[in-house]
Protein backbone atom coordinates (compact mmCIF):
# COMPACT_ATOMS: atom_id res chain seq x y z
CA UNK A 1 -14.22 -38.38 49.49
CA UNK A 2 -14.73 -39.73 46.00
CA UNK A 3 -15.49 -43.34 45.18
CA UNK A 4 -12.49 -45.33 43.96
CA UNK A 5 -13.99 -46.26 40.59
CA UNK A 6 -12.78 -46.09 37.00
CA UNK A 7 -15.90 -45.67 34.83
CA UNK A 8 -15.91 -45.53 31.03
CA UNK A 9 -16.35 -41.75 31.05
CA UNK A 10 -12.91 -41.39 32.69
CA UNK A 11 -11.08 -43.54 30.14
CA UNK A 12 -8.95 -41.82 27.55
CA UNK A 13 -10.14 -43.25 24.23
CA UNK A 14 -10.22 -40.36 21.76
CA UNK A 15 -7.51 -40.75 19.11
CA UNK A 16 -7.32 -36.95 18.84
CA UNK A 17 -6.74 -36.48 22.58
CA UNK A 18 -4.19 -39.32 22.69
CA UNK A 19 -2.26 -37.89 19.71
CA UNK A 20 -2.29 -34.43 21.32
CA UNK A 21 -1.05 -35.95 24.58
CA UNK A 22 1.93 -37.67 22.90
CA UNK A 23 2.78 -34.56 20.85
CA UNK A 24 2.67 -31.89 23.53
CA UNK A 25 2.18 -33.57 26.91
CA UNK A 26 4.56 -33.40 29.87
CA UNK A 27 6.51 -36.63 30.39
CA UNK A 28 7.68 -37.99 33.73
CA UNK A 29 9.36 -41.29 34.47
CA UNK A 30 9.67 -43.49 37.52
CA UNK A 31 10.59 -47.10 36.80
CA UNK A 32 8.50 -49.03 35.66
CA UNK A 33 5.95 -46.35 34.64
CA UNK A 34 6.19 -43.55 32.11
CA UNK A 35 3.55 -40.87 32.76
CA UNK A 36 2.45 -38.46 30.02
CA UNK A 37 -0.04 -35.80 31.03
CA UNK A 38 -1.59 -32.58 29.80
CA UNK A 39 -3.70 -30.12 31.76
CA UNK A 40 -6.62 -28.38 30.10
CA UNK A 41 -9.02 -25.71 31.25
CA UNK A 42 -12.64 -26.22 30.26
CA UNK A 43 -15.96 -27.60 31.37
CA UNK A 44 -15.92 -31.28 30.42
CA UNK A 45 -17.50 -33.50 33.05
CA UNK A 46 -14.72 -35.99 33.94
CA UNK A 47 -11.90 -34.18 35.72
CA UNK A 48 -9.29 -36.81 34.87
CA UNK A 49 -9.19 -39.06 31.80
CA UNK A 50 -6.65 -41.86 31.87
CA UNK A 51 -5.33 -44.41 29.40
CA UNK A 52 -3.08 -47.41 30.06
CA UNK A 53 -0.79 -49.12 27.57
CA UNK A 54 1.80 -51.89 27.47
CA UNK A 55 4.22 -52.42 24.58
CA UNK A 56 3.37 -55.31 22.29
CA UNK A 57 7.02 -55.45 21.24
CA UNK A 58 8.17 -56.11 24.81
CA UNK A 59 5.23 -58.26 25.90
CA UNK A 60 4.40 -60.68 23.08
CA UNK A 61 1.59 -62.55 24.81
CA UNK A 62 -1.74 -60.74 25.19
CA UNK A 63 -2.31 -62.53 28.50
CA UNK A 64 0.75 -60.83 29.99
CA UNK A 65 -0.13 -57.40 28.54
CA UNK A 66 -3.67 -57.62 29.87
CA UNK A 67 -2.51 -58.61 33.36
CA UNK A 68 -0.12 -55.65 33.54
CA UNK A 69 -2.83 -53.29 32.26
CA UNK A 70 -5.17 -54.58 34.97
CA UNK A 71 -2.51 -53.89 37.61
CA UNK A 72 -1.94 -50.35 36.31
CA UNK A 73 -5.67 -49.59 36.19
CA UNK A 74 -6.09 -50.88 39.75
CA UNK A 75 -3.20 -48.76 41.04
CA UNK A 76 -4.73 -45.73 39.32
CA UNK A 77 -8.23 -46.49 40.61
CA UNK A 78 -7.07 -46.77 44.23
CA UNK A 79 -5.00 -43.57 44.13
CA UNK A 80 -7.15 -41.43 41.83
CA UNK A 81 -8.39 -39.22 44.67
CA UNK A 82 -4.86 -37.87 45.23
CA UNK A 83 -4.72 -36.69 41.62
CA UNK A 84 -8.20 -35.14 41.60
CA UNK A 85 -7.58 -33.30 44.88
CA UNK A 86 -4.73 -31.29 43.30
CA UNK A 87 -6.88 -29.91 40.45
CA UNK A 88 -9.08 -26.83 40.63
CA UNK A 89 -12.74 -27.03 39.59
CA UNK A 90 -12.18 -25.88 35.99
CA UNK A 91 -8.98 -27.89 35.34
CA UNK A 92 -8.97 -31.22 33.54
CA UNK A 93 -6.12 -33.66 33.17
CA UNK A 94 -5.45 -36.28 30.50
CA UNK A 95 -2.99 -38.99 31.53
CA UNK A 96 -1.40 -41.89 29.68
CA UNK A 97 0.42 -44.53 31.72
CA UNK A 98 2.98 -46.68 29.88
CA UNK A 99 4.52 -49.76 31.46
CA UNK A 100 8.17 -49.95 30.37
CA UNK A 101 9.69 -52.75 32.48
CA UNK A 102 10.76 -56.00 30.86
CA UNK A 103 9.62 -58.09 33.80
CA UNK A 104 6.33 -58.09 35.66
CA UNK A 105 6.70 -56.32 38.98
CA UNK A 106 4.52 -56.76 42.05
CA UNK A 107 1.50 -54.60 42.75
CA UNK A 108 3.26 -52.87 45.66
CA UNK A 109 6.28 -51.93 43.52
CA UNK A 110 4.04 -50.51 40.78
CA UNK A 111 1.97 -48.60 43.36
CA UNK A 112 5.09 -47.11 44.99
CA UNK A 113 6.31 -45.88 41.59
CA UNK A 114 2.86 -44.46 40.81
CA UNK A 115 2.72 -42.54 44.10
CA UNK A 116 6.19 -41.11 43.41
CA UNK A 117 4.98 -40.00 39.99
CA UNK A 118 1.97 -38.26 41.53
CA UNK A 119 4.32 -36.32 43.82
CA UNK A 120 6.69 -35.57 40.96
CA UNK A 121 4.01 -34.40 38.50
CA UNK A 122 1.26 -32.75 40.46
CA UNK A 123 2.80 -31.45 43.67
CA UNK A 124 5.34 -29.26 41.86
């Protein structure tokens, strides 16, 4: 079993990879999360790289955006092992999670949506 951590190496930060993800990634939606992902085959060390974003237009105050991003990262961190277990040893996955709700939902509601997305995206 892998440790439920979210180290810097697993964060999606490269502008090039993010642009590629938005241009040609697969999009799935389960309220309140939009999931964009792209599988790659190669030998990079982190198996999954993930980014989290919240719209500045919808959430004016940085305090609110940061809280929602923390919730999304925590949901991802706790359920990361389910994503990694579906990938083969040479597959890598880039994921971007976008929060689209106009109100802040509870942790359990966000986690339920995230687990549905995992089933929708990776188990098919």
